[in-house]
Amino acid sequence: MKDYSGNKWGRLTAIKFSHIHNRRYFWEFKCVCGESVIKKIEKVVSGNTRSCGCLRSECSAANGIKSKTHGDSKSKLYNVWGRMRHRCLKDIPRHKYWAGKGIKICKEWINSYSTFKKWAMSNGYDSGLTIDRIDSSIGYSPDNCRWVTIQENGRAASRVRWGMHKQLKVGK
């Protein structure tokens, strides 16, 4: 086994070997922020891990994104908010029906999960429901969103697609 003690990658400096788990070597590292962490050596050497986590927090803060101090980052509601943001902010081919059509998220919700959560809780959110835009041609906002069952949302999407299909046939 190679001795990495004293070597530095990103913000991490290797201190000492920690343990082996599932044939992976774990080392203890000291971060420039002062934290000590145990990480897989291959992740650090490859550059996939560059800090104890402080770098991500600093980059998020620099980009105006608040840290996840709400404690909901693994909740279904947080996941709904995150997927909504991903659909509207990422211009990738499979999101042509959101970002590609210019569907936006209102200023109140775009970078504030807590504001979105307050709206959701006071407007009938339940873990068995999904967010739905009342008017599918405009974006996500408190006055254009509601909570519906997955079945209701699927039926609405089918009606939209069926209506488009009928229009295409009539125009031929």
C-alpha atoms as a PDB file:
ATOM      1  CA  MET A   1       0.000   0.000   0.000  1.00  0.00           C
ATOM      2  CA  LYS A   2       1.299   3.436  -0.986  1.00  0.00           C
ATOM      3  CA  ASP A   3       1.864   6.051   1.699  1.00  0.00           C
ATOM      4  CA  TYR A   4      -0.008   9.251   0.792  1.00  0.00           C
ATOM      5  CA  SER A   5       0.743  11.080   4.071  1.00  0.00           C
ATOM      6  CA  GLY A   6       1.397  14.765   3.481  1.00  0.00           C
ATOM      7  CA  ASN A   7       0.156  14.761  -0.131  1.00  0.00           C
ATOM      8  CA  LYS A   8      -2.337  17.492  -1.000  1.00  0.00           C
ATOM      9  CA  TRP A   9      -5.256  17.409  -3.466  1.00  0.00           C
ATOM     10  CA  GLY A  10      -7.616  20.367  -3.720  1.00  0.00           C
ATOM     11  CA  ARG A  11      -8.255  21.480  -0.165  1.00  0.00           C
ATOM     12  CA  LEU A  12      -7.404  18.117   1.406  1.00  0.00           C
ATOM     13  CA  THR A  13      -4.102  16.947   2.846  1.00  0.00           C
ATOM     14  CA  ALA A  14      -3.666  13.236   3.578  1.00  0.00           C
ATOM     15  CA  ILE A  15      -2.942  12.644   7.263  1.00  0.00           C
ATOM     16  CA  LYS A  16      -2.981   8.869   7.744  1.00  0.00           C
ATOM     17  CA  PHE A  17      -4.482   5.621   6.545  1.00  0.00           C
ATOM     18  CA  SER A  18      -7.828   4.917   8.215  1.00  0.00           C
ATOM     19  CA  HIS A  19      -9.224   1.541   7.078  1.00  0.00           C
ATOM     20  CA  ILE A  20     -10.181  -0.780   4.205  1.00  0.00           C
ATOM     21  CA  HIS A  21     -13.833  -1.399   3.353  1.00  0.00           C
ATOM     22  CA  ASN A  22     -14.984  -3.484   0.357  1.00  0.00           C
ATOM     23  CA  ARG A  23     -11.438  -3.404  -1.036  1.00  0.00           C
ATOM     24  CA  ARG A  24     -11.423   0.404  -0.927  1.00  0.00           C
ATOM     25  CA  TYR A  25      -8.758   2.325   0.964  1.00  0.00           C
ATOM     26  CA  PHE A  26      -9.962   5.111   3.249  1.00  0.00           C
ATOM     27  CA  TRP A  27      -7.664   7.841   4.492  1.00  0.00           C
ATOM     28  CA  GLU A  28      -8.040  10.610   7.031  1.00  0.00           C
ATOM     29  CA  PHE A  29      -7.647  14.069   5.517  1.00  0.00           C
ATOM     30  CA  LYS A  30      -7.334  17.543   6.968  1.00  0.00           C
ATOM     31  CA  CYS A  31      -9.198  20.236   5.033  1.00  0.00           C
ATOM     32  CA  VAL A  32      -7.964  23.837   4.782  1.00  0.00           C
ATOM     33  CA  CYS A  33     -11.089  24.892   6.716  1.00  0.00           C
ATOM     34  CA  GLY A  34      -9.854  22.842   9.689  1.00  0.00           C
ATOM     35  CA  GLU A  35     -12.204  19.846   9.438  1.00  0.00           C
ATOM     36  CA  SER A  36     -10.884  16.280   9.529  1.00  0.00           C
ATOM     37  CA  VAL A  37     -12.670  13.821   7.257  1.00  0.00           C
ATOM     38  CA  ILE A  38     -12.291  10.215   6.146  1.00  0.00           C
ATOM     39  CA  LYS A  39     -12.609   9.692   2.389  1.00  0.00           C
ATOM     40  CA  LYS A  40     -11.840   7.055  -0.235  1.00  0.00           C
ATOM     41  CA  ILE A  41      -8.314   7.731  -1.463  1.00  0.00           C
ATOM     42  CA  GLU A  42      -9.186   7.093  -5.120  1.00  0.00           C
ATOM     43  CA  LYS A  43     -11.946   9.737  -5.023  1.00  0.00           C
ATOM     44  CA  VAL A  44      -9.519  12.325  -3.662  1.00  0.00           C
ATOM     45  CA  VAL A  45      -6.631  11.439  -5.983  1.00  0.00           C
ATOM     46  CA  SER A  46      -8.929  11.508  -9.050  1.00  0.00           C
ATOM     47  CA  GLY A  47     -10.207  14.974  -8.119  1.00  0.00           C
ATOM     48  CA  ASN A  48     -13.810  13.862  -7.562  1.00  0.00           C
ATOM     49  CA  THR A  49     -13.518  14.886  -3.906  1.00  0.00           C
ATOM     50  CA  ARG A  50     -11.740  18.193  -3.346  1.00  0.00           C
ATOM     51  CA  SER A  51     -12.795  19.246   0.150  1.00  0.00           C
ATOM     52  CA  CYS A  52     -14.642  18.155   3.278  1.00  0.00           C
ATOM     53  CA  GLY A  53     -17.802  19.714   1.836  1.00  0.00           C
ATOM     54  CA  CYS A  54     -16.926  23.324   2.569  1.00  0.00           C
ATOM     55  CA  LEU A  55     -16.173  24.033  -1.100  1.00  0.00           C
ATOM     56  CA  ARG A  56     -19.727  23.170  -2.121  1.00  0.00           C
ATOM     57  CA  SER A  57     -21.152  25.438   0.597  1.00  0.00           C
ATOM     58  CA  GLU A  58     -18.898  28.319  -0.459  1.00  0.00           C
ATOM     59  CA  CYS A  59     -19.755  27.918  -4.159  1.00  0.00           C
ATOM     60  CA  SER A  60     -23.469  27.784  -3.374  1.00  0.00           C
ATOM     61  CA  ALA A  61     -23.228  30.908  -1.216  1.00  0.00           C
ATOM     62  CA  ALA A  62     -21.276  32.701  -3.948  1.00  0.00           C
ATOM     63  CA  ASN A  63     -24.044  31.842  -6.432  1.00  0.00           C
ATOM     64  CA  GLY A  64     -26.753  33.138  -4.099  1.00  0.00           C
ATOM     65  CA  ILE A  65     -28.043  29.703  -3.079  1.00  0.00           C
ATOM     66  CA  LYS A  66     -28.777  29.371   0.605  1.00  0.00           C
ATOM     67  CA  SER A  67     -27.564  26.338   2.481  1.00  0.00           C
ATOM     68  CA  LYS A  68     -29.943  23.501   3.273  1.00  0.00           C
ATOM     69  CA  THR A  69     -30.490  24.420   6.903  1.00  0.00           C
ATOM     70  CA  HIS A  70     -34.189  23.540   6.727  1.00  0.00           C
ATOM     71  CA  GLY A  71     -33.537  19.842   7.418  1.00  0.00           C
ATOM     72  CA  ASP A  72     -35.882  18.746   4.618  1.00  0.00           C
ATOM     73  CA  SER A  73     -33.318  17.849   1.966  1.00  0.00           C
ATOM     74  CA  LYS A  74     -34.465  14.205   1.933  1.00  0.00           C
ATOM     75  CA  SER A  75     -38.198  14.928   2.119  1.00  0.00           C
ATOM     76  CA  LYS A  76     -40.665  14.306  -0.719  1.00  0.00           C
ATOM     77  CA  LEU A  77     -41.654  17.986  -0.794  1.00  0.00           C
ATOM     78  CA  TYR A  78     -38.030  19.109  -1.163  1.00  0.00           C
ATOM     79  CA  ASN A  79     -37.681  16.583  -3.980  1.00  0.00           C
ATOM     80  CA  VAL A  80     -40.756  18.071  -5.718  1.00  0.00           C
ATOM     81  CA  TRP A  81     -39.220  21.558  -5.459  1.00  0.00           C
ATOM     82  CA  GLY A  82     -35.845  20.317  -6.721  1.00  0.00           C
ATOM     83  CA  ARG A  83     -37.336  18.469  -9.703  1.00  0.00           C
ATOM     84  CA  MET A  84     -39.438  21.508 -10.594  1.00  0.00           C
ATOM     85  CA  ARG A  85     -36.296  23.682 -10.572  1.00  0.00           C
ATOM     86  CA  HIS A  86     -34.342  21.098 -12.574  1.00  0.00           C
ATOM     87  CA  ARG A  87     -37.027  20.905 -15.288  1.00  0.00           C
ATOM     88  CA  CYS A  88     -37.186  24.671 -15.664  1.00  0.00           C
ATOM     89  CA  LEU A  89     -33.561  25.655 -15.199  1.00  0.00           C
ATOM     90  CA  LYS A  90     -31.797  22.927 -17.180  1.00  0.00           C
ATOM     91  CA  ASP A  91     -32.117  23.271 -20.932  1.00  0.00           C
ATOM     92  CA  ILE A  92     -31.664  19.636 -21.933  1.00  0.00           C
ATOM     93  CA  PRO A  93     -33.579  17.733 -24.648  1.00  0.00           C
ATOM     94  CA  ARG A  94     -35.879  15.752 -22.368  1.00  0.00           C
ATOM     95  CA  HIS A  95     -37.019  18.999 -20.737  1.00  0.00           C
ATOM     96  CA  LYS A  96     -38.308  20.514 -23.968  1.00  0.00           C
ATOM     97  CA  TYR A  97     -41.767  20.790 -22.408  1.00  0.00           C
ATOM     98  CA  TRP A  98     -40.536  23.042 -19.579  1.00  0.00           C
ATOM     99  CA  ALA A  99     -37.253  24.933 -20.020  1.00  0.00           C
ATOM    100  CA  GLY A 100     -37.459  24.561 -23.801  1.00  0.00           C
ATOM    101  CA  LYS A 101     -40.924  26.175 -23.840  1.00  0.00           C
ATOM    102  CA  GLY A 102     -39.829  28.972 -21.535  1.00  0.00           C
ATOM    103  CA  ILE A 103     -41.706  27.675 -18.482  1.00  0.00           C
ATOM    104  CA  LYS A 104     -40.333  29.614 -15.524  1.00  0.00           C
ATOM    105  CA  ILE A 105     -40.591  29.513 -11.740  1.00  0.00           C
ATOM    106  CA  CYS A 106     -41.764  32.614  -9.904  1.00  0.00           C
ATOM    107  CA  LYS A 107     -39.219  34.765  -8.062  1.00  0.00           C
ATOM    108  CA  GLU A 108     -40.646  33.759  -4.677  1.00  0.00           C
ATOM    109  CA  TRP A 109     -39.920  30.050  -5.241  1.00  0.00           C
ATOM    110  CA  ILE A 110     -36.884  29.848  -7.489  1.00  0.00           C
ATOM    111  CA  ASN A 111     -34.238  30.058  -4.747  1.00  0.00           C
ATOM    112  CA  SER A 112     -36.358  29.708  -1.618  1.00  0.00           C
ATOM    113  CA  TYR A 113     -37.468  26.262  -0.607  1.00  0.00           C
ATOM    114  CA  SER A 114     -38.906  27.646   2.648  1.00  0.00           C
ATOM    115  CA  THR A 115     -41.251  29.990   0.728  1.00  0.00           C
ATOM    116  CA  PHE A 116     -42.329  27.111  -1.522  1.00  0.00           C
ATOM    117  CA  LYS A 117     -42.867  24.899   1.538  1.00  0.00           C
ATOM    118  CA  LYS A 118     -45.036  27.536   3.267  1.00  0.00           C
ATOM    119  CA  TRP A 119     -47.210  27.794   0.150  1.00  0.00           C
ATOM    120  CA  ALA A 120     -47.429  23.997  -0.181  1.00  0.00           C
ATOM    121  CA  MET A 121     -48.446  23.440   3.440  1.00  0.00           C
ATOM    122  CA  SER A 122     -51.114  26.123   3.337  1.00  0.00           C
ATOM    123  CA  ASN A 123     -52.496  24.878  -0.001  1.00  0.00           C
ATOM    124  CA  GLY A 124     -53.255  21.237   0.687  1.00  0.00           C
ATOM    125  CA  TYR A 125     -49.906  19.499   0.179  1.00  0.00           C
ATOM    126  CA  ASP A 126     -49.864  15.803   1.072  1.00  0.00           C
ATOM    127  CA  SER A 127     -47.131  13.276   0.285  1.00  0.00           C
ATOM    128  CA  GLY A 128     -49.532  11.397  -2.009  1.00  0.00           C
ATOM    129  CA  LEU A 129     -50.036  14.430  -4.249  1.00  0.00           C
ATOM    130  CA  THR A 130     -48.026  16.008  -7.045  1.00  0.00           C
ATOM    131  CA  ILE A 131     -47.723  19.612  -8.175  1.00  0.00           C
ATOM    132  CA  ASP A 132     -49.792  20.630 -11.201  1.00  0.00           C
ATOM    133  CA  ARG A 133     -49.862  23.836 -13.219  1.00  0.00           C
ATOM    134  CA  ILE A 134     -53.465  24.931 -13.764  1.00  0.00           C
ATOM    135  CA  ASP A 135     -52.563  26.660 -17.024  1.00  0.00           C
ATOM    136  CA  SER A 136     -49.828  24.550 -18.606  1.00  0.00           C
ATOM    137  CA  SER A 137     -48.725  27.377 -20.893  1.00  0.00           C
ATOM    138  CA  ILE A 138     -47.418  29.492 -18.010  1.00  0.00           C
ATOM    139  CA  GLY A 139     -44.936  28.831 -15.234  1.00  0.00           C
ATOM    140  CA  TYR A 140     -44.916  27.673 -11.658  1.00  0.00           C
ATOM    141  CA  SER A 141     -46.311  30.241  -9.223  1.00  0.00           C
ATOM    142  CA  PRO A 142     -48.693  30.260  -6.240  1.00  0.00           C
ATOM    143  CA  ASP A 143     -51.633  31.413  -8.378  1.00  0.00           C
ATOM    144  CA  ASN A 144     -51.030  28.818 -11.134  1.00  0.00           C
ATOM    145  CA  CYS A 145     -50.253  25.696  -9.098  1.00  0.00           C
ATOM    146  CA  ARG A 146     -52.262  23.181  -7.128  1.00  0.00           C
ATOM    147  CA  TRP A 147     -51.832  19.722  -5.620  1.00  0.00           C
ATOM    148  CA  VAL A 148     -53.457  16.780  -7.423  1.00  0.00           C
ATOM    149  CA  THR A 149     -53.140  13.007  -7.378  1.00  0.00           C
ATOM    150  CA  ILE A 150     -50.770  11.369  -9.817  1.00  0.00           C
ATOM    151  CA  GLN A 151     -53.793   9.861 -11.606  1.00  0.00           C
ATOM    152  CA  GLU A 152     -55.428  13.286 -12.039  1.00  0.00           C
ATOM    153  CA  ASN A 153     -52.184  14.732 -13.358  1.00  0.00           C
ATOM    154  CA  GLY A 154     -51.811  11.825 -15.804  1.00  0.00           C
ATOM    155  CA  ARG A 155     -55.375  12.256 -17.079  1.00  0.00           C
ATOM    156  CA  ALA A 156     -54.785  15.975 -17.636  1.00  0.00           C
ATOM    157  CA  ALA A 157     -51.575  15.254 -19.558  1.00  0.00           C
ATOM    158  CA  SER A 158     -53.383  12.643 -21.658  1.00  0.00           C
ATOM    159  CA  ARG A 159     -56.161  15.129 -22.514  1.00  0.00           C
ATOM    160  CA  VAL A 160     -53.557  17.665 -23.617  1.00  0.00           C
ATOM    161  CA  ARG A 161     -51.717  15.112 -25.755  1.00  0.00           C
ATOM    162  CA  TRP A 162     -55.005  13.707 -27.163  1.00  0.00           C
ATOM    163  CA  GLY A 163     -56.191  17.217 -27.993  1.00  0.00           C
ATOM    164  CA  MET A 164     -52.924  17.916 -29.808  1.00  0.00           C
ATOM    165  CA  HIS A 165     -53.228  14.607 -31.671  1.00  0.00           C
ATOM    166  CA  LYS A 166     -56.794  15.404 -32.773  1.00  0.00           C
ATOM    167  CA  GLN A 167     -55.736  18.871 -33.951  1.00  0.00           C
ATOM    168  CA  LEU A 168     -52.936  17.430 -36.004  1.00  0.00           C
ATOM    169  CA  LYS A 169     -55.268  14.917 -37.698  1.00  0.00           C
ATOM    170  CA  VAL A 170     -57.914  17.543 -38.450  1.00  0.00           C
ATOM    171  CA  GLY A 171     -55.316  19.833 -40.046  1.00  0.00           C
ATOM    172  CA  LYS A 172     -54.146  17.134 -42.529  1.00  0.00           C
END
